[in-house]
Amino acid sequence: MIKKNSWVQIKKIILKPEERTGNLPEATKQVPFVMWVKGFLLEDAMLNSEVLIKTITGRNESGILVCENPSYMHTYGEFVPEILEIDRIVKTELFGGDSFE
């Protein structure tokens, strides 16, 4: 049981696959458009149940409770070796030489 006022994350389906626009890649059209929202739980609830939360901006949202105390996880994609070369070129042009310290 997750207690009222706990920081949680919900999942809400905005569009089912059949409701999505036709101007999407085929693989994208086959999955729902999903919104993930974090906020404070308004009533005690169990994971995977339909709940109501209040977001940090005061907006109420409903959805399936998927996580208690969600962390912030950021990624900027996979490693791209060309970025290292761009970094080297820019630093050489800006600071001269091969010393980047």
Protein backbone atom coordinates (compact mmCIF):
# COMPACT_ATOMS: atom_id res chain seq x y z
CA MET A 1 0.00 0.00 0.00
CA ILE A 2 1.33 3.42 -0.95
CA LYS A 3 0.21 6.18 1.38
CA LYS A 4 -1.60 9.39 0.52
CA ASN A 5 0.75 12.35 -0.21
CA SER A 6 3.57 10.04 -1.36
CA TRP A 7 5.61 11.21 -4.38
CA VAL A 8 4.64 8.86 -7.23
CA GLN A 9 4.62 8.40 -10.98
CA ILE A 10 1.61 7.49 -13.09
CA LYS A 11 1.20 6.29 -16.66
CA LYS A 12 -1.70 7.51 -18.79
CA ILE A 13 -2.54 6.47 -22.34
CA ILE A 14 -3.35 9.60 -24.34
CA LEU A 15 -3.97 7.93 -27.71
CA LYS A 16 -4.53 4.26 -28.51
CA PRO A 17 -2.65 2.93 -31.57
CA GLU A 18 -5.78 3.14 -33.76
CA GLU A 19 -6.29 6.80 -32.74
CA ARG A 20 -2.82 7.96 -33.82
CA THR A 21 -2.22 9.96 -36.99
CA GLY A 22 -1.27 8.20 -40.20
CA ASN A 23 1.81 10.41 -40.70
CA LEU A 24 3.98 8.34 -38.35
CA PRO A 25 6.53 5.58 -38.93
CA GLU A 26 4.83 2.18 -38.94
CA ALA A 27 6.51 1.04 -35.71
CA THR A 28 5.35 4.21 -33.94
CA LYS A 29 1.75 3.86 -35.15
CA GLN A 30 1.54 0.41 -33.55
CA VAL A 31 2.04 1.60 -29.96
CA PRO A 32 -0.04 3.93 -27.78
CA PHE A 33 0.98 7.52 -27.11
CA VAL A 34 1.76 7.49 -23.38
CA MET A 35 2.17 10.29 -20.82
CA TRP A 36 4.23 9.78 -17.66
CA VAL A 37 3.51 12.20 -14.81
CA LYS A 38 4.93 12.63 -11.31
CA GLY A 39 3.00 14.07 -8.40
CA PHE A 40 1.56 13.58 -4.95
CA LEU A 41 -0.87 10.70 -4.41
CA LEU A 42 -4.29 11.97 -3.29
CA GLU A 43 -5.49 8.71 -1.68
CA ASP A 44 -3.82 5.51 -0.41
CA ALA A 45 -3.41 3.08 -3.31
CA MET A 46 -1.75 -0.07 -4.59
CA LEU A 47 0.72 -0.24 -7.49
CA ASN A 48 -0.96 -0.74 -10.88
CA SER A 49 -4.26 0.76 -9.70
CA GLU A 50 -6.03 3.78 -11.19
CA VAL A 51 -5.20 6.83 -9.05
CA LEU A 52 -5.45 10.60 -8.90
CA ILE A 53 -2.37 12.73 -8.24
CA LYS A 54 -1.63 16.43 -7.83
CA THR A 55 1.42 17.57 -9.80
CA ILE A 56 4.03 19.97 -8.47
CA THR A 57 2.27 22.73 -10.49
CA GLY A 58 -1.09 21.94 -8.83
CA ARG A 59 -2.69 20.12 -11.77
CA ASN A 60 -4.74 16.96 -11.05
CA GLU A 61 -4.03 13.94 -13.27
CA SER A 62 -5.34 10.39 -13.26
CA GLY A 63 -3.58 7.27 -14.45
CA ILE A 64 -2.10 3.92 -13.49
CA LEU A 65 0.23 4.07 -10.48
CA VAL A 66 3.59 2.69 -11.63
CA CYS A 67 6.19 3.87 -9.12
CA GLU A 68 6.64 5.28 -5.64
CA ASN A 69 9.47 7.80 -5.09
CA PRO A 70 10.50 7.92 -8.77
CA SER A 71 13.98 9.21 -9.48
CA TYR A 72 15.00 11.56 -12.23
CA MET A 73 16.90 9.72 -14.93
CA HIS A 74 18.30 11.61 -17.90
CA THR A 75 19.96 10.33 -21.01
CA TYR A 76 21.08 12.09 -24.14
CA GLY A 77 21.24 8.95 -26.23
CA GLU A 78 23.99 6.55 -27.14
CA PHE A 79 27.67 7.47 -27.42
CA VAL A 80 28.48 9.14 -30.75
CA PRO A 81 32.23 9.07 -31.55
CA GLU A 82 31.92 11.95 -34.01
CA ILE A 83 31.01 14.25 -31.10
CA LEU A 84 34.51 13.74 -29.66
CA GLU A 85 36.03 14.89 -32.95
CA ILE A 86 33.74 17.94 -33.08
CA ASP A 87 34.72 18.77 -29.50
CA ARG A 88 38.42 18.52 -30.39
CA ILE A 89 38.01 20.74 -33.45
CA VAL A 90 36.04 23.41 -31.61
CA LYS A 91 38.47 23.54 -28.68
CA THR A 92 41.45 23.72 -31.04
CA GLU A 93 39.85 26.63 -32.91
CA LEU A 94 38.89 28.45 -29.73
CA PHE A 95 41.95 27.82 -27.58
CA GLY A 96 44.66 26.69 -30.02
CA GLY A 97 46.92 23.67 -29.76
CA ASP A 98 45.98 20.26 -28.45
CA SER A 99 45.82 21.16 -24.75
CA PHE A 100 42.21 21.26 -23.57
CA GLU A 101 42.76 21.87 -19.86
